């Protein structure tokens, strides 16, 4: 039987002595000897020289790339803040934007499949629109979700938007609080006739 006890990859090219640096491509050549397999790790230039002379290729050869080691002091990019499905659904419902109807419906279906939403009622209105009433199990919140008319040609677009929203690639503009209508000025009619005043004031007239 052949001896498969092969040493690990070397730190330098066996021919020129060049150190293998991160992202550097090298090559391993196995040569069969009487003592077993001899491993030679070569830089790209030395490997091409051996290949041109057909020297030492008696068994096998393969390429490798030195990985980049991430040290403790290496700064990592700040992760994108992700939304949970229920957090995103709450924000979209509060915004009351008709364009969010499809995304809200997809999120509701996702929560129902995860067994966080329970369908409590289904109603079909006179105009054909179907509304589903869902309960969010952890908190008992109720959400009325309108089933939009999603066609195959726009379903993929809505699904892609939901993924972007969940991954934080699309930001949600908060709902602008509605300005309360100005209270109409009430016209007060001051009547001084004794019959319109309380009894305690009638004696003065």
C-alpha atoms as a PDB file:
ATOM      1  CA  UNK A   1       0.000   0.000   0.000  1.00  0.00           C
ATOM      2  CA  UNK A   2       1.132   3.574  -0.654  1.00  0.00           C
ATOM      3  CA  UNK A   3       1.953   5.776   2.303  1.00  0.00           C
ATOM      4  CA  UNK A   4      -0.590   8.645   2.467  1.00  0.00           C
ATOM      5  CA  UNK A   5       1.029  10.409   5.413  1.00  0.00           C
ATOM      6  CA  UNK A   6       1.658  13.671   3.542  1.00  0.00           C
ATOM      7  CA  UNK A   7       2.959  16.754   5.355  1.00  0.00           C
ATOM      8  CA  UNK A   8       0.934  20.013   5.428  1.00  0.00           C
ATOM      9  CA  UNK A   9       1.470  22.826   2.942  1.00  0.00           C
ATOM     10  CA  UNK A  10       4.807  24.616   3.228  1.00  0.00           C
ATOM     11  CA  UNK A  11       5.153  28.290   4.072  1.00  0.00           C
ATOM     12  CA  UNK A  12       7.600  28.944   1.192  1.00  0.00           C
ATOM     13  CA  UNK A  13       8.153  27.801  -2.370  1.00  0.00           C
ATOM     14  CA  UNK A  14      10.548  24.840  -2.302  1.00  0.00           C
ATOM     15  CA  UNK A  15      12.382  26.043  -5.413  1.00  0.00           C
ATOM     16  CA  UNK A  16      12.864  29.803  -4.977  1.00  0.00           C
ATOM     17  CA  UNK A  17      12.095  30.203  -1.274  1.00  0.00           C
ATOM     18  CA  UNK A  18       9.420  32.896  -1.816  1.00  0.00           C
ATOM     19  CA  UNK A  19       6.948  33.078   1.065  1.00  0.00           C
ATOM     20  CA  UNK A  20       3.324  32.392   0.258  1.00  0.00           C
ATOM     21  CA  UNK A  21       1.394  35.616   0.917  1.00  0.00           C
ATOM     22  CA  UNK A  22      -2.383  36.029   1.378  1.00  0.00           C
ATOM     23  CA  UNK A  23      -4.367  35.794  -1.881  1.00  0.00           C
ATOM     24  CA  UNK A  24      -1.310  34.294  -3.571  1.00  0.00           C
ATOM     25  CA  UNK A  25      -1.882  31.293  -5.836  1.00  0.00           C
ATOM     26  CA  UNK A  26       0.462  28.334  -5.513  1.00  0.00           C
ATOM     27  CA  UNK A  27       0.686  24.740  -6.668  1.00  0.00           C
ATOM     28  CA  UNK A  28       1.254  21.424  -4.941  1.00  0.00           C
ATOM     29  CA  UNK A  29       3.110  18.636  -6.722  1.00  0.00           C
ATOM     30  CA  UNK A  30       3.210  15.074  -5.397  1.00  0.00           C
ATOM     31  CA  UNK A  31       6.101  12.878  -6.441  1.00  0.00           C
ATOM     32  CA  UNK A  32       6.125   9.174  -5.668  1.00  0.00           C
ATOM     33  CA  UNK A  33       9.366   7.911  -4.127  1.00  0.00           C
ATOM     34  CA  UNK A  34      10.461   4.678  -2.484  1.00  0.00           C
ATOM     35  CA  UNK A  35       9.762   6.243   0.923  1.00  0.00           C
ATOM     36  CA  UNK A  36       6.281   7.365  -0.084  1.00  0.00           C
ATOM     37  CA  UNK A  37       4.850  10.546  -1.524  1.00  0.00           C
ATOM     38  CA  UNK A  38       7.007  13.678  -1.526  1.00  0.00           C
ATOM     39  CA  UNK A  39       5.123  16.960  -1.439  1.00  0.00           C
ATOM     40  CA  UNK A  40       6.546  20.058  -3.140  1.00  0.00           C
ATOM     41  CA  UNK A  41       4.728  23.404  -2.830  1.00  0.00           C
ATOM     42  CA  UNK A  42       5.641  25.855  -5.572  1.00  0.00           C
ATOM     43  CA  UNK A  43       4.894  29.435  -6.489  1.00  0.00           C
ATOM     44  CA  UNK A  44       3.225  30.016  -9.827  1.00  0.00           C
ATOM     45  CA  UNK A  45       6.456  30.916 -11.652  1.00  0.00           C
ATOM     46  CA  UNK A  46       8.366  27.865 -10.427  1.00  0.00           C
ATOM     47  CA  UNK A  47       5.427  25.602 -11.183  1.00  0.00           C
ATOM     48  CA  UNK A  48       5.383  26.810 -14.793  1.00  0.00           C
ATOM     49  CA  UNK A  49       9.126  26.146 -15.077  1.00  0.00           C
ATOM     50  CA  UNK A  50       8.641  22.568 -13.862  1.00  0.00           C
ATOM     51  CA  UNK A  51       5.672  22.077 -16.149  1.00  0.00           C
ATOM     52  CA  UNK A  52       7.720  23.244 -19.135  1.00  0.00           C
ATOM     53  CA  UNK A  53      10.462  20.738 -18.354  1.00  0.00           C
ATOM     54  CA  UNK A  54       8.032  17.981 -17.246  1.00  0.00           C
ATOM     55  CA  UNK A  55      10.091  17.558 -14.106  1.00  0.00           C
ATOM     56  CA  UNK A  56       8.671  15.888 -11.037  1.00  0.00           C
ATOM     57  CA  UNK A  57       5.135  15.246 -12.282  1.00  0.00           C
ATOM     58  CA  UNK A  58       4.948  11.558 -11.451  1.00  0.00           C
ATOM     59  CA  UNK A  59       1.711  11.455  -9.466  1.00  0.00           C
ATOM     60  CA  UNK A  60      -0.591  14.449  -8.993  1.00  0.00           C
ATOM     61  CA  UNK A  61      -0.737  18.225  -8.836  1.00  0.00           C
ATOM     62  CA  UNK A  62      -3.295  20.836  -7.784  1.00  0.00           C
ATOM     63  CA  UNK A  63      -3.544  24.568  -7.149  1.00  0.00           C
ATOM     64  CA  UNK A  64      -4.280  26.472  -3.933  1.00  0.00           C
ATOM     65  CA  UNK A  65      -4.867  30.068  -2.845  1.00  0.00           C
ATOM     66  CA  UNK A  66      -3.587  31.397   0.465  1.00  0.00           C
ATOM     67  CA  UNK A  67      -6.589  32.685   2.457  1.00  0.00           C
ATOM     68  CA  UNK A  68      -6.759  36.114   4.042  1.00  0.00           C
ATOM     69  CA  UNK A  69      -6.602  35.871   7.814  1.00  0.00           C
ATOM     70  CA  UNK A  70      -8.893  38.260   9.639  1.00  0.00           C
ATOM     71  CA  UNK A  71      -7.082  39.539  12.687  1.00  0.00           C
ATOM     72  CA  UNK A  72      -8.681  40.722  15.919  1.00  0.00           C
ATOM     73  CA  UNK A  73      -8.025  44.374  15.066  1.00  0.00           C
ATOM     74  CA  UNK A  74      -9.492  44.119  11.583  1.00  0.00           C
ATOM     75  CA  UNK A  75     -12.476  46.406  11.330  1.00  0.00           C
ATOM     76  CA  UNK A  76     -15.627  44.760  10.115  1.00  0.00           C
ATOM     77  CA  UNK A  77     -18.283  46.587   8.198  1.00  0.00           C
ATOM     78  CA  UNK A  78     -21.284  47.474  10.282  1.00  0.00           C
ATOM     79  CA  UNK A  79     -24.036  44.951   9.553  1.00  0.00           C
ATOM     80  CA  UNK A  80     -27.185  46.213   7.911  1.00  0.00           C
ATOM     81  CA  UNK A  81     -29.976  46.526  10.415  1.00  0.00           C
ATOM     82  CA  UNK A  82     -32.535  43.912   9.553  1.00  0.00           C
ATOM     83  CA  UNK A  83     -36.236  43.986  10.267  1.00  0.00           C
ATOM     84  CA  UNK A  84     -38.333  41.111  11.533  1.00  0.00           C
ATOM     85  CA  UNK A  85     -41.494  40.339   9.617  1.00  0.00           C
ATOM     86  CA  UNK A  86     -43.796  41.602  12.384  1.00  0.00           C
ATOM     87  CA  UNK A  87     -41.789  44.813  12.900  1.00  0.00           C
ATOM     88  CA  UNK A  88     -41.958  45.559   9.199  1.00  0.00           C
ATOM     89  CA  UNK A  89     -45.655  44.727   8.995  1.00  0.00           C
ATOM     90  CA  UNK A  90     -46.469  47.076  11.886  1.00  0.00           C
ATOM     91  CA  UNK A  91     -44.617  49.948  10.171  1.00  0.00           C
ATOM     92  CA  UNK A  92     -46.301  49.375   6.838  1.00  0.00           C
ATOM     93  CA  UNK A  93     -49.762  49.127   8.402  1.00  0.00           C
ATOM     94  CA  UNK A  94     -49.196  52.341  10.370  1.00  0.00           C
ATOM     95  CA  UNK A  95     -48.124  54.159   7.204  1.00  0.00           C
ATOM     96  CA  UNK A  96     -51.483  53.466   5.508  1.00  0.00           C
ATOM     97  CA  UNK A  97     -49.982  53.630   2.023  1.00  0.00           C
ATOM     98  CA  UNK A  98     -52.057  51.785  -0.616  1.00  0.00           C
ATOM     99  CA  UNK A  99     -48.820  50.844  -2.431  1.00  0.00           C
ATOM    100  CA  UNK A 100     -47.836  48.683   0.576  1.00  0.00           C
ATOM    101  CA  UNK A 101     -50.876  46.409   0.252  1.00  0.00           C
ATOM    102  CA  UNK A 102     -48.978  43.679  -1.597  1.00  0.00           C
ATOM    103  CA  UNK A 103     -46.016  43.731   0.801  1.00  0.00           C
ATOM    104  CA  UNK A 104     -48.335  43.563   3.824  1.00  0.00           C
ATOM    105  CA  UNK A 105     -50.115  40.549   2.357  1.00  0.00           C
ATOM    106  CA  UNK A 106     -46.824  38.713   1.655  1.00  0.00           C
ATOM    107  CA  UNK A 107     -45.635  39.398   5.212  1.00  0.00           C
ATOM    108  CA  UNK A 108     -48.920  38.106   6.628  1.00  0.00           C
ATOM    109  CA  UNK A 109     -48.596  34.885   4.635  1.00  0.00           C
ATOM    110  CA  UNK A 110     -44.994  34.529   5.847  1.00  0.00           C
ATOM    111  CA  UNK A 111     -46.063  34.960   9.479  1.00  0.00           C
ATOM    112  CA  UNK A 112     -48.918  32.506   8.999  1.00  0.00           C
ATOM    113  CA  UNK A 113     -46.541  29.877   7.608  1.00  0.00           C
ATOM    114  CA  UNK A 114     -44.277  30.433  10.618  1.00  0.00           C
ATOM    115  CA  UNK A 115     -47.337  29.813  12.828  1.00  0.00           C
ATOM    116  CA  UNK A 116     -47.158  33.284  14.352  1.00  0.00           C
ATOM    117  CA  UNK A 117     -50.320  34.476  12.624  1.00  0.00           C
ATOM    118  CA  UNK A 118     -53.665  32.738  13.157  1.00  0.00           C
ATOM    119  CA  UNK A 119     -56.469  33.439  10.714  1.00  0.00           C
ATOM    120  CA  UNK A 120     -59.563  34.354  12.739  1.00  0.00           C
ATOM    121  CA  UNK A 121     -61.985  35.482  10.052  1.00  0.00           C
ATOM    122  CA  UNK A 122     -62.348  35.938   6.296  1.00  0.00           C
ATOM    123  CA  UNK A 123     -64.767  38.367   4.720  1.00  0.00           C
ATOM    124  CA  UNK A 124     -65.607  39.038   1.090  1.00  0.00           C
ATOM    125  CA  UNK A 125     -67.029  42.466   0.415  1.00  0.00           C
ATOM    126  CA  UNK A 126     -69.572  43.455  -2.182  1.00  0.00           C
ATOM    127  CA  UNK A 127     -66.824  44.768  -4.484  1.00  0.00           C
ATOM    128  CA  UNK A 128     -65.097  41.354  -4.431  1.00  0.00           C
ATOM    129  CA  UNK A 129     -62.230  42.368  -2.145  1.00  0.00           C
ATOM    130  CA  UNK A 130     -61.301  39.716   0.437  1.00  0.00           C
ATOM    131  CA  UNK A 131     -60.126  40.787   3.889  1.00  0.00           C
ATOM    132  CA  UNK A 132     -58.498  38.386   6.324  1.00  0.00           C
ATOM    133  CA  UNK A 133     -58.341  38.985  10.059  1.00  0.00           C
ATOM    134  CA  UNK A 134     -55.146  37.661  11.644  1.00  0.00           C
ATOM    135  CA  UNK A 135     -54.123  37.392  15.283  1.00  0.00           C
ATOM    136  CA  UNK A 136     -50.448  37.670  16.214  1.00  0.00           C
ATOM    137  CA  UNK A 137     -50.063  34.862  18.772  1.00  0.00           C
ATOM    138  CA  UNK A 138     -47.304  36.322  21.002  1.00  0.00           C
ATOM    139  CA  UNK A 139     -49.165  39.580  21.719  1.00  0.00           C
ATOM    140  CA  UNK A 140     -52.785  38.979  20.665  1.00  0.00           C
ATOM    141  CA  UNK A 141     -52.695  41.892  18.186  1.00  0.00           C
ATOM    142  CA  UNK A 142     -55.255  41.786  15.394  1.00  0.00           C
ATOM    143  CA  UNK A 143     -54.398  42.799  11.843  1.00  0.00           C
ATOM    144  CA  UNK A 144     -56.904  43.272   9.039  1.00  0.00           C
ATOM    145  CA  UNK A 145     -55.103  42.338   5.824  1.00  0.00           C
ATOM    146  CA  UNK A 146     -56.571  42.937   2.395  1.00  0.00           C
ATOM    147  CA  UNK A 147     -55.793  40.266  -0.192  1.00  0.00           C
ATOM    148  CA  UNK A 148     -54.523  42.125  -3.260  1.00  0.00           C
ATOM    149  CA  UNK A 149     -54.873  40.942  -6.819  1.00  0.00           C
ATOM    150  CA  UNK A 150     -51.286  39.731  -7.263  1.00  0.00           C
ATOM    151  CA  UNK A 151     -50.585  38.438 -10.759  1.00  0.00           C
ATOM    152  CA  UNK A 152     -47.595  36.302 -11.778  1.00  0.00           C
ATOM    153  CA  UNK A 153     -46.035  39.287 -13.570  1.00  0.00           C
ATOM    154  CA  UNK A 154     -45.957  41.473 -10.423  1.00  0.00           C
ATOM    155  CA  UNK A 155     -45.702  38.836  -7.676  1.00  0.00           C
ATOM    156  CA  UNK A 156     -41.931  38.496  -8.086  1.00  0.00           C
ATOM    157  CA  UNK A 157     -41.502  42.280  -7.836  1.00  0.00           C
ATOM    158  CA  UNK A 158     -43.471  42.410  -4.585  1.00  0.00           C
ATOM    159  CA  UNK A 159     -41.535  39.489  -3.131  1.00  0.00           C
ATOM    160  CA  UNK A 160     -38.219  41.110  -4.038  1.00  0.00           C
ATOM    161  CA  UNK A 161     -39.319  44.344  -2.368  1.00  0.00           C
ATOM    162  CA  UNK A 162     -40.264  42.492   0.829  1.00  0.00           C
ATOM    163  CA  UNK A 163     -36.805  40.895   0.908  1.00  0.00           C
ATOM    164  CA  UNK A 164     -35.145  44.302   0.432  1.00  0.00           C
ATOM    165  CA  UNK A 165     -37.238  45.747   3.249  1.00  0.00           C
ATOM    166  CA  UNK A 166     -36.422  42.869   5.593  1.00  0.00           C
ATOM    167  CA  UNK A 167     -32.709  43.081   4.780  1.00  0.00           C
ATOM    168  CA  UNK A 168     -32.664  46.850   5.310  1.00  0.00           C
ATOM    169  CA  UNK A 169     -31.764  47.692   1.710  1.00  0.00           C
ATOM    170  CA  UNK A 170     -34.925  49.782   1.364  1.00  0.00           C
ATOM    171  CA  UNK A 171     -35.798  52.299   4.019  1.00  0.00           C
ATOM    172  CA  UNK A 172     -39.317  52.927   5.240  1.00  0.00           C
ATOM    173  CA  UNK A 173     -40.470  56.500   5.425  1.00  0.00           C
ATOM    174  CA  UNK A 174     -42.390  56.897   8.686  1.00  0.00           C
ATOM    175  CA  UNK A 175     -46.028  57.768   8.463  1.00  0.00           C
ATOM    176  CA  UNK A 176     -46.643  61.496   8.571  1.00  0.00           C
ATOM    177  CA  UNK A 177     -49.144  62.266  11.304  1.00  0.00           C
ATOM    178  CA  UNK A 178     -52.264  63.744   9.825  1.00  0.00           C
ATOM    179  CA  UNK A 179     -52.869  67.384  10.657  1.00  0.00           C
ATOM    180  CA  UNK A 180     -56.136  67.621  12.561  1.00  0.00           C
ATOM    181  CA  UNK A 181     -58.685  69.786  10.786  1.00  0.00           C
ATOM    182  CA  UNK A 182     -59.111  73.257  12.142  1.00  0.00           C
ATOM    183  CA  UNK A 183     -62.046  73.480  14.487  1.00  0.00           C
ATOM    184  CA  UNK A 184     -64.784  75.653  12.990  1.00  0.00           C
ATOM    185  CA  UNK A 185     -65.500  78.839  14.822  1.00  0.00           C
ATOM    186  CA  UNK A 186     -68.696  78.468  16.766  1.00  0.00           C
ATOM    187  CA  UNK A 187     -71.025  81.429  16.718  1.00  0.00           C
ATOM    188  CA  UNK A 188     -72.181  82.144  20.198  1.00  0.00           C
ATOM    189  CA  UNK A 189     -75.432  84.020  20.516  1.00  0.00           C
ATOM    190  CA  UNK A 190     -75.655  85.855  23.793  1.00  0.00           C
ATOM    191  CA  UNK A 191     -79.272  86.247  24.720  1.00  0.00           C
ATOM    192  CA  UNK A 192     -80.126  88.581  27.533  1.00  0.00           C
ATOM    193  CA  UNK A 193     -83.829  87.878  27.562  1.00  0.00           C
ATOM    194  CA  UNK A 194     -84.875  86.766  31.081  1.00  0.00           C
ATOM    195  CA  UNK A 195     -86.359  83.531  29.751  1.00  0.00           C
ATOM    196  CA  UNK A 196     -82.946  82.357  28.475  1.00  0.00           C
ATOM    197  CA  UNK A 197     -81.058  82.927  31.718  1.00  0.00           C
ATOM    198  CA  UNK A 198     -80.830  80.785  34.851  1.00  0.00           C
ATOM    199  CA  UNK A 199     -83.353  81.565  37.566  1.00  0.00           C
ATOM    200  CA  UNK A 200     -80.740  83.136  39.851  1.00  0.00           C
ATOM    201  CA  UNK A 201     -80.104  85.847  37.252  1.00  0.00           C
ATOM    202  CA  UNK A 202     -83.743  86.597  36.346  1.00  0.00           C
ATOM    203  CA  UNK A 203     -84.241  88.762  39.426  1.00  0.00           C
ATOM    204  CA  UNK A 204     -81.704  91.259  38.045  1.00  0.00           C
ATOM    205  CA  UNK A 205     -83.841  92.019  34.975  1.00  0.00           C
END
